[in-house]
């Protein structure tokens, strides 16, 4: 898994997330959840490090047909937060990340 690119990591984890969510939906008949991503940023060739957790709002779903859209919305929100943090010459680059 590419530890640096959050989009690639999200794609690799998509199937696993959907399986877990479907199992929970069968048991609970409705679910409120979110996906978060912890990212370690570096600046100035590693001299400065910072770890941030990007967490979108909780979403509620009631059927398996809503899973894909809910995941899409959450991942787009995470990507937007990352872009806002790294753009406009901030100097921050992603060193590693993990999804939870």
N, C-alpha and C. Protein backbone atom coordinates (compact mmCIF):
# COMPACT_ATOMS: atom_id res chain seq x y z
N UNK A 1 0.84 -1.18 0.00
CA UNK A 1 0.00 0.00 0.00
C UNK A 1 0.88 1.24 0.00
N UNK A 2 0.54 2.21 -0.80
CA UNK A 2 1.29 3.45 -0.87
C UNK A 2 0.96 4.29 0.36
N UNK A 3 1.93 4.46 1.22
CA UNK A 3 1.71 5.17 2.47
C UNK A 3 1.63 6.68 2.31
N UNK A 4 2.01 7.18 1.14
CA UNK A 4 2.07 8.62 0.96
C UNK A 4 0.81 9.17 0.30
N UNK A 5 0.18 8.44 -0.57
CA UNK A 5 -0.97 8.94 -1.32
C UNK A 5 -2.28 8.53 -0.67
N UNK A 6 -3.00 9.47 -0.06
CA UNK A 6 -4.25 9.13 0.62
C UNK A 6 -5.32 8.58 -0.32
N UNK A 7 -5.36 9.03 -1.57
CA UNK A 7 -6.37 8.56 -2.51
C UNK A 7 -6.16 7.09 -2.83
N UNK A 8 -4.93 6.69 -3.04
CA UNK A 8 -4.64 5.28 -3.31
C UNK A 8 -4.98 4.43 -2.10
N UNK A 9 -4.66 4.91 -0.92
CA UNK A 9 -4.97 4.16 0.29
C UNK A 9 -6.48 4.01 0.46
N UNK A 10 -7.23 5.06 0.19
CA UNK A 10 -8.69 4.98 0.29
C UNK A 10 -9.25 3.92 -0.66
N UNK A 11 -8.70 3.86 -1.88
CA UNK A 11 -9.17 2.87 -2.86
C UNK A 11 -8.86 1.45 -2.40
N UNK A 12 -7.67 1.23 -1.84
CA UNK A 12 -7.30 -0.09 -1.36
C UNK A 12 -8.19 -0.55 -0.21
N UNK A 13 -8.61 0.37 0.63
CA UNK A 13 -9.40 0.02 1.80
C UNK A 13 -10.90 -0.01 1.54
N UNK A 14 -11.34 0.39 0.36
CA UNK A 14 -12.76 0.51 0.06
C UNK A 14 -13.51 -0.80 0.25
N UNK A 15 -13.02 -1.89 -0.29
CA UNK A 15 -13.72 -3.17 -0.19
C UNK A 15 -13.83 -3.62 1.25
N UNK A 16 -12.76 -3.51 1.99
CA UNK A 16 -12.77 -3.92 3.40
C UNK A 16 -13.76 -3.10 4.22
N UNK A 17 -13.77 -1.80 3.99
CA UNK A 17 -14.71 -0.93 4.69
C UNK A 17 -16.16 -1.33 4.38
N UNK A 18 -16.44 -1.58 3.10
CA UNK A 18 -17.80 -1.93 2.71
C UNK A 18 -18.25 -3.24 3.35
N UNK A 19 -17.37 -4.22 3.43
CA UNK A 19 -17.71 -5.49 4.08
C UNK A 19 -18.03 -5.27 5.55
N UNK A 20 -17.22 -4.50 6.23
CA UNK A 20 -17.45 -4.24 7.66
C UNK A 20 -18.76 -3.49 7.87
N UNK A 21 -19.03 -2.50 7.03
CA UNK A 21 -20.25 -1.71 7.17
C UNK A 21 -21.48 -2.57 6.87
N UNK A 22 -21.42 -3.41 5.84
CA UNK A 22 -22.55 -4.29 5.51
C UNK A 22 -22.85 -5.24 6.66
N UNK A 23 -21.83 -5.80 7.28
CA UNK A 23 -22.04 -6.69 8.42
C UNK A 23 -22.73 -5.96 9.57
N UNK A 24 -22.27 -4.76 9.84
CA UNK A 24 -22.87 -3.98 10.93
C UNK A 24 -24.31 -3.61 10.60
N UNK A 25 -24.59 -3.31 9.33
CA UNK A 25 -25.96 -2.97 8.93
C UNK A 25 -26.91 -4.15 9.13
N UNK A 26 -26.45 -5.36 8.84
CA UNK A 26 -27.29 -6.55 9.03
C UNK A 26 -27.68 -6.72 10.48
N UNK A 27 -26.76 -6.41 11.36
CA UNK A 27 -27.01 -6.57 12.79
C UNK A 27 -27.88 -5.44 13.34
N UNK A 28 -27.58 -4.20 12.97
CA UNK A 28 -28.19 -3.04 13.60
C UNK A 28 -29.31 -2.38 12.81
N UNK A 29 -29.50 -2.73 11.55
CA UNK A 29 -30.56 -2.17 10.70
C UNK A 29 -30.46 -0.66 10.49
N UNK A 30 -29.35 -0.10 10.76
CA UNK A 30 -29.06 1.32 10.59
C UNK A 30 -27.73 1.60 11.25
N UNK A 31 -27.02 2.58 10.75
CA UNK A 31 -25.66 2.78 11.23
C UNK A 31 -25.25 4.23 11.08
N UNK A 32 -24.58 4.75 12.07
CA UNK A 32 -23.97 6.07 12.00
C UNK A 32 -22.46 5.86 12.13
N UNK A 33 -21.71 6.37 11.16
CA UNK A 33 -20.27 6.11 11.15
C UNK A 33 -19.53 7.23 10.43
N UNK A 34 -18.21 7.18 10.56
CA UNK A 34 -17.34 8.02 9.75
C UNK A 34 -16.02 7.30 9.56
N UNK A 35 -15.22 7.83 8.68
CA UNK A 35 -13.88 7.32 8.41
C UNK A 35 -12.93 8.47 8.64
N UNK A 36 -11.85 8.23 9.35
CA UNK A 36 -10.89 9.31 9.56
C UNK A 36 -9.53 8.88 9.01
N UNK A 37 -8.68 9.86 8.78
CA UNK A 37 -7.34 9.58 8.28
C UNK A 37 -6.34 10.41 9.07
N UNK A 38 -5.36 9.73 9.64
CA UNK A 38 -4.29 10.41 10.37
C UNK A 38 -3.11 10.55 9.42
N UNK A 39 -2.65 11.78 9.27
CA UNK A 39 -1.58 12.06 8.30
C UNK A 39 -0.44 12.78 9.00
N UNK A 40 0.76 12.29 8.73
CA UNK A 40 1.97 12.94 9.23
C UNK A 40 2.52 13.81 8.11
N UNK A 41 2.64 15.10 8.39
CA UNK A 41 3.18 16.06 7.44
C UNK A 41 4.59 16.44 7.85
N UNK A 42 5.41 16.75 6.85
CA UNK A 42 6.75 17.27 7.14
C UNK A 42 6.94 18.58 6.37
N UNK A 43 7.86 19.37 6.89
CA UNK A 43 8.16 20.66 6.28
C UNK A 43 9.67 20.88 6.39
N UNK A 44 10.22 21.58 5.43
CA UNK A 44 11.66 21.88 5.43
C UNK A 44 12.51 20.62 5.48
N UNK A 45 12.26 19.71 4.56
CA UNK A 45 13.03 18.47 4.44
C UNK A 45 13.04 17.66 5.73
N UNK A 46 11.93 17.62 6.42
CA UNK A 46 11.81 16.78 7.60
C UNK A 46 12.17 17.43 8.92
N UNK A 47 12.58 18.67 8.89
CA UNK A 47 12.95 19.35 10.13
C UNK A 47 11.74 19.56 11.04
N UNK A 48 10.59 19.82 10.44
CA UNK A 48 9.37 20.07 11.21
C UNK A 48 8.36 18.98 10.86
N UNK A 49 7.79 18.35 11.89
CA UNK A 49 6.78 17.31 11.67
C UNK A 49 5.52 17.69 12.42
N UNK A 50 4.40 17.28 11.86
CA UNK A 50 3.11 17.51 12.50
C UNK A 50 2.17 16.38 12.11
N UNK A 51 1.39 15.86 13.04
CA UNK A 51 0.42 14.81 12.76
C UNK A 51 -0.98 15.38 12.98
N UNK A 52 -1.82 15.22 11.95
CA UNK A 52 -3.20 15.69 12.03
C UNK A 52 -4.14 14.53 11.72
N UNK A 53 -5.29 14.55 12.36
CA UNK A 53 -6.34 13.58 12.06
C UNK A 53 -7.47 14.32 11.38
N UNK A 54 -7.80 13.91 10.16
CA UNK A 54 -8.87 14.51 9.39
C UNK A 54 -10.10 13.63 9.53
N UNK A 55 -11.15 14.19 10.13
CA UNK A 55 -12.36 13.42 10.42
C UNK A 55 -13.59 14.16 9.90
N UNK A 56 -14.28 13.59 8.92
CA UNK A 56 -15.51 14.22 8.45
C UNK A 56 -16.67 13.99 9.43
N UNK A 57 -17.79 14.63 9.17
CA UNK A 57 -18.96 14.47 10.02
C UNK A 57 -19.48 13.03 9.96
N UNK A 58 -20.15 12.63 11.02
CA UNK A 58 -20.79 11.32 11.05
C UNK A 58 -21.92 11.28 10.02
N UNK A 59 -22.10 10.11 9.40
CA UNK A 59 -23.19 9.93 8.45
C UNK A 59 -24.03 8.74 8.89
N UNK A 60 -25.32 8.83 8.66
CA UNK A 60 -26.23 7.75 9.00
C UNK A 60 -26.73 7.10 7.72
N UNK A 61 -26.67 5.78 7.69
CA UNK A 61 -27.19 5.03 6.55
C UNK A 61 -28.13 3.94 7.07
N UNK A 62 -29.09 3.57 6.23
CA UNK A 62 -30.07 2.57 6.62
C UNK A 62 -30.12 1.38 5.67
N UNK A 63 -29.37 1.45 4.57
CA UNK A 63 -29.35 0.32 3.65
C UNK A 63 -27.97 0.21 2.99
N UNK A 64 -27.70 -0.96 2.46
CA UNK A 64 -26.40 -1.19 1.83
C UNK A 64 -26.21 -0.34 0.59
N UNK A 65 -27.31 0.15 0.01
CA UNK A 65 -27.22 0.97 -1.19
C UNK A 65 -26.71 2.38 -0.90
N UNK A 66 -26.67 2.77 0.34
CA UNK A 66 -26.20 4.09 0.72
C UNK A 66 -24.71 4.10 1.08
N UNK A 67 -24.10 2.94 1.21
CA UNK A 67 -22.70 2.84 1.65
C UNK A 67 -21.75 3.56 0.70
N UNK A 68 -21.86 3.27 -0.57
CA UNK A 68 -20.93 3.83 -1.55
C UNK A 68 -20.96 5.36 -1.54
N UNK A 69 -22.15 5.94 -1.53
CA UNK A 69 -22.26 7.40 -1.53
C UNK A 69 -21.71 7.99 -0.23
N UNK A 70 -22.01 7.37 0.90
CA UNK A 70 -21.52 7.87 2.18
C UNK A 70 -19.99 7.85 2.21
N UNK A 71 -19.39 6.77 1.74
CA UNK A 71 -17.93 6.68 1.69
C UNK A 71 -17.36 7.74 0.74
N UNK A 72 -18.00 7.93 -0.41
CA UNK A 72 -17.54 8.92 -1.38
C UNK A 72 -17.54 10.33 -0.75
N UNK A 73 -18.62 10.68 -0.07
CA UNK A 73 -18.74 12.00 0.55
C UNK A 73 -17.65 12.18 1.61
N UNK A 74 -17.43 11.15 2.44
CA UNK A 74 -16.41 11.25 3.49
C UNK A 74 -15.01 11.38 2.90
N UNK A 75 -14.70 10.56 1.90
CA UNK A 75 -13.37 10.62 1.29
C UNK A 75 -13.14 11.96 0.59
N UNK A 76 -14.17 12.49 -0.07
CA UNK A 76 -14.04 13.80 -0.72
C UNK A 76 -13.79 14.89 0.33
N UNK A 77 -14.46 14.78 1.46
CA UNK A 77 -14.27 15.76 2.54
C UNK A 77 -12.83 15.70 3.08
N UNK A 78 -12.33 14.47 3.30
CA UNK A 78 -10.95 14.30 3.77
C UNK A 78 -9.97 14.88 2.75
N UNK A 79 -10.17 14.58 1.47
CA UNK A 79 -9.28 15.12 0.43
C UNK A 79 -9.32 16.64 0.41
N UNK A 80 -10.49 17.22 0.60
CA UNK A 80 -10.60 18.68 0.64
C UNK A 80 -9.84 19.27 1.82
N UNK A 81 -9.94 18.61 2.99
CA UNK A 81 -9.21 19.11 4.16
C UNK A 81 -7.70 19.03 3.94
N UNK A 82 -7.24 17.95 3.32
CA UNK A 82 -5.81 17.79 3.03
C UNK A 82 -5.36 18.88 2.05
N UNK A 83 -6.14 19.11 1.01
CA UNK A 83 -5.80 20.14 0.02
C UNK A 83 -5.71 21.51 0.64
N UNK A 84 -6.66 21.84 1.51
CA UNK A 84 -6.63 23.15 2.16
C UNK A 84 -5.38 23.31 3.03
N UNK A 85 -4.92 22.21 3.61
CA UNK A 85 -3.76 22.28 4.49
C UNK A 85 -2.45 22.40 3.70
N UNK A 86 -2.38 21.75 2.54
CA UNK A 86 -1.11 21.69 1.81
C UNK A 86 -0.97 22.71 0.69
N UNK A 87 -2.03 23.42 0.34
CA UNK A 87 -1.93 24.31 -0.83
C UNK A 87 -1.44 25.70 -0.46
N UNK A 88 -1.31 26.54 -1.47
CA UNK A 88 -0.91 27.94 -1.36
C UNK A 88 0.47 28.11 -0.73
N UNK A 89 1.40 27.25 -1.11
CA UNK A 89 2.79 27.41 -0.69
C UNK A 89 3.05 27.18 0.79
N UNK A 90 2.24 26.36 1.43
CA UNK A 90 2.42 26.13 2.87
C UNK A 90 3.73 25.41 3.16
N UNK A 91 4.22 24.64 2.19
CA UNK A 91 5.46 23.90 2.41
C UNK A 91 5.26 22.54 3.05
N UNK A 92 4.04 22.23 3.51
CA UNK A 92 3.77 20.94 4.14
C UNK A 92 3.57 19.88 3.06
N UNK A 93 4.20 18.73 3.23
CA UNK A 93 4.01 17.58 2.35
C UNK A 93 3.69 16.35 3.21
N UNK A 94 3.00 15.39 2.61
CA UNK A 94 2.61 14.20 3.34
C UNK A 94 3.79 13.25 3.44
N UNK A 95 4.07 12.81 4.65
CA UNK A 95 5.11 11.82 4.86
C UNK A 95 4.50 10.42 4.95
N UNK A 96 3.42 10.27 5.73
CA UNK A 96 2.73 8.97 5.85
C UNK A 96 1.32 9.22 6.33
N UNK A 97 0.47 8.19 6.23
CA UNK A 97 -0.89 8.30 6.71
C UNK A 97 -1.43 6.94 7.09
N UNK A 98 -2.52 6.96 7.86
CA UNK A 98 -3.22 5.72 8.16
C UNK A 98 -4.69 6.05 8.32
N UNK A 99 -5.52 5.17 7.78
CA UNK A 99 -6.96 5.37 7.83
C UNK A 99 -7.51 4.58 9.01
N UNK A 100 -8.46 5.19 9.69
CA UNK A 100 -9.08 4.48 10.81
C UNK A 100 -10.57 4.65 10.78
